[in-house]
Structures are given as structure tokens and as C-alpha cells.
Protein backbone atom coordinates (compact mmCIF):
# COMPACT_ATOMS: atom_id res chain seq x y z
CA UNK A 1 -57.27 -45.41 74.35
CA UNK A 2 -54.60 -46.74 72.11
CA UNK A 3 -53.39 -44.77 69.12
CA UNK A 4 -52.46 -46.67 66.03
CA UNK A 5 -49.85 -45.22 63.26
CA UNK A 6 -51.18 -45.04 59.83
CA UNK A 7 -48.73 -46.04 56.87
CA UNK A 8 -48.77 -42.30 56.10
CA UNK A 9 -47.74 -41.24 59.82
CA UNK A 10 -44.84 -44.22 59.65
CA UNK A 11 -43.43 -42.74 56.21
CA UNK A 12 -43.55 -39.37 57.68
CA UNK A 13 -41.38 -40.37 60.97
CA UNK A 14 -38.96 -42.01 58.79
CA UNK A 15 -38.69 -39.19 56.28
CA UNK A 16 -38.37 -36.76 59.45
CA UNK A 17 -35.44 -39.14 60.85
CA UNK A 18 -33.64 -39.11 57.39
CA UNK A 19 -34.12 -35.38 57.22
CA UNK A 20 -32.74 -34.71 60.55
CA UNK A 21 -29.66 -36.78 59.57
CA UNK A 22 -28.87 -35.21 56.47
CA UNK A 23 -29.51 -31.83 57.94
CA UNK A 24 -26.91 -32.32 60.64
CA UNK A 25 -24.26 -33.85 57.79
CA UNK A 26 -24.81 -30.82 55.52
CA UNK A 27 -24.55 -28.50 58.60
CA UNK A 28 -21.37 -30.18 59.72
CA UNK A 29 -20.02 -29.40 56.18
CA UNK A 30 -20.80 -25.87 56.68
CA UNK A 31 -23.89 -25.42 54.87
CA UNK A 32 -26.19 -23.18 56.70
CA UNK A 33 -28.63 -21.59 54.16
CA UNK A 34 -30.85 -22.83 51.55
CA UNK A 35 -28.98 -20.88 48.92
CA UNK A 36 -25.78 -22.66 49.96
CA UNK A 37 -27.57 -26.01 49.83
CA UNK A 38 -28.90 -25.21 46.37
CA UNK A 39 -25.47 -24.42 44.94
CA UNK A 40 -24.34 -27.96 45.70
CA UNK A 41 -24.25 -30.43 42.81
CA UNK A 42 -25.36 -34.14 43.45
CA UNK A 43 -21.60 -35.06 43.37
CA UNK A 44 -20.89 -32.42 45.78
CA UNK A 45 -23.80 -33.77 48.04
CA UNK A 46 -22.70 -37.30 47.60
CA UNK A 47 -18.92 -36.15 48.76
CA UNK A 48 -20.45 -35.15 52.20
CA UNK A 49 -20.02 -37.76 55.04
CA UNK A 50 -23.26 -39.75 55.60
CA UNK A 51 -25.22 -38.67 52.42
CA UNK A 52 -26.45 -41.52 50.31
CA UNK A 53 -28.76 -41.60 47.26
CA UNK A 54 -31.86 -41.55 49.54
CA UNK A 55 -30.47 -38.11 51.31
CA UNK A 56 -29.85 -36.57 48.13
CA UNK A 57 -33.51 -37.63 46.70
CA UNK A 58 -34.81 -36.08 50.01
CA UNK A 59 -32.75 -32.84 49.81
CA UNK A 60 -34.12 -32.36 46.20
CA UNK A 61 -37.81 -33.25 47.16
CA UNK A 62 -37.25 -30.65 50.24
CA UNK A 63 -35.62 -27.80 48.25
CA UNK A 64 -38.71 -27.88 45.86
CA UNK A 65 -40.93 -26.24 48.64
CA UNK A 66 -41.95 -22.92 47.07
CA UNK A 67 -42.25 -21.16 50.42
CA UNK A 68 -38.59 -21.49 50.94
CA UNK A 69 -36.32 -18.43 50.19
CA UNK A 70 -32.57 -18.53 49.53
CA UNK A 71 -31.74 -16.85 52.94
CA UNK A 72 -33.39 -18.98 54.94
CA UNK A 73 -31.66 -21.44 57.35
CA UNK A 74 -31.58 -25.16 56.42
CA UNK A 75 -33.23 -25.76 59.64
CA UNK A 76 -36.50 -24.75 58.02
CA UNK A 77 -36.14 -27.92 55.79
CA UNK A 78 -36.90 -30.13 58.92
CA UNK A 79 -40.29 -28.64 58.94
CA UNK A 80 -43.25 -30.09 56.82
CA UNK A 81 -43.57 -28.72 53.39
CA UNK A 82 -45.99 -25.61 53.22
CA UNK A 83 -49.37 -26.59 52.02
CA UNK A 84 -50.51 -24.78 48.97
CA UNK A 85 -52.65 -21.82 49.28
CA UNK A 86 -56.35 -21.79 47.64
CA UNK A 87 -57.33 -19.50 45.03
CA UNK A 88 -59.86 -17.59 47.13
CA UNK A 89 -56.81 -17.15 49.92
CA UNK A 90 -54.63 -15.85 47.41
CA UNK A 91 -57.27 -13.43 46.28
CA UNK A 92 -58.00 -12.20 49.99
CA UNK A 93 -54.05 -11.48 50.11
CA UNK A 94 -53.91 -9.81 47.04
CA UNK A 95 -56.87 -7.63 47.92
CA UNK A 96 -55.15 -6.75 51.35
CA UNK A 97 -51.86 -5.96 49.42
CA UNK A 98 -53.77 -3.44 47.38
CA UNK A 99 -55.20 -1.78 50.30
CA UNK A 100 -58.54 -3.68 51.25
CA UNK A 101 -59.84 -3.59 54.87
CA UNK A 102 -60.34 -6.53 57.14
CA UNK A 103 -64.04 -5.55 57.04
CA UNK A 104 -64.01 -5.33 53.27
CA UNK A 105 -62.29 -8.71 53.08
CA UNK A 106 -64.88 -10.23 55.43
CA UNK A 107 -67.91 -8.76 53.40
CA UNK A 108 -66.39 -9.76 50.13
CA UNK A 109 -65.74 -13.44 51.24
CA UNK A 110 -68.61 -13.57 53.47
CA UNK A 111 -66.28 -14.85 56.27
CA UNK A 112 -65.73 -13.07 59.88
CA UNK A 113 -63.13 -10.54 60.41
CA UNK A 114 -61.26 -12.96 62.70
CA UNK A 115 -61.32 -15.58 60.01
CA UNK A 116 -59.76 -13.00 57.56
CA UNK A 117 -57.02 -12.29 60.50
CA UNK A 118 -56.66 -15.93 60.64
CA UNK A 119 -55.94 -16.46 56.98
CA UNK A 120 -53.57 -13.40 56.64
CA UNK A 121 -51.58 -14.56 59.49
CA UNK A 122 -51.21 -18.15 58.28
CA UNK A 123 -50.13 -16.89 55.07
CA UNK A 124 -47.39 -14.49 56.32
CA UNK A 125 -49.35 -11.35 56.54
């Protein structure tokens, strides 16, 4: 069986290689958290060796991930962006935060308790 890369696969691989290079560069410059990276201006980023316009653009895109918190290590930026949570799953998490049991959530959303647990675990609960 021969696996072929799609254009999306090739782009994702190129992005990951680029991201690993700029992560190493900013880490060498002493940046270790997302908060530290967010405080740097475009000019300051461009002064870091091996960071060009493509790297700076990718940094901006990576910092747009809503799942990132300021105290996260920059290594998390090497991971793919978090996918958006569905409205149903947002409601499920909200109800759980308000004290609903797994059984109540399963009945309300007509899914198994196991599926409720999977959704909550995936979304950081």
C-alpha cells in the first residue's frame, strides 16, 4: 500500500518544519512562555537571528489560537491549533460546570455516558 501526501499534508509538514525552526530561535533568545512571546513587537521578533517575515507571520497566526494561555510554554505552539468546540459541546460543558451529572447529560443530549466523558476529557474537563 502506497500512501500519497495531499497538498494539505505537504503544507502542514512545511508549516511544522518552519514552526520548529522559529520555536528554536525564540527559545535561544530566552523566550519560554506564550506571554513573553506576545510582548515582543514585530521589530523585536525580526531582530532575533533566523526569524524572517514568514516566521513572524506564522508566529502571529500561532498566537491566535484561543486555547493558549499566557503561562503556556512556547513548545505548545508546535502542536496543531485546537479545533473549535461545537455549540452542543459548549452547552454540555456549561451544564457540567453547573453541576449536572454524567447521567443527566447523557439523557439530555441522547448520547452515552462514555461519550459524555470523552467530550469532557477532550475539552479539558
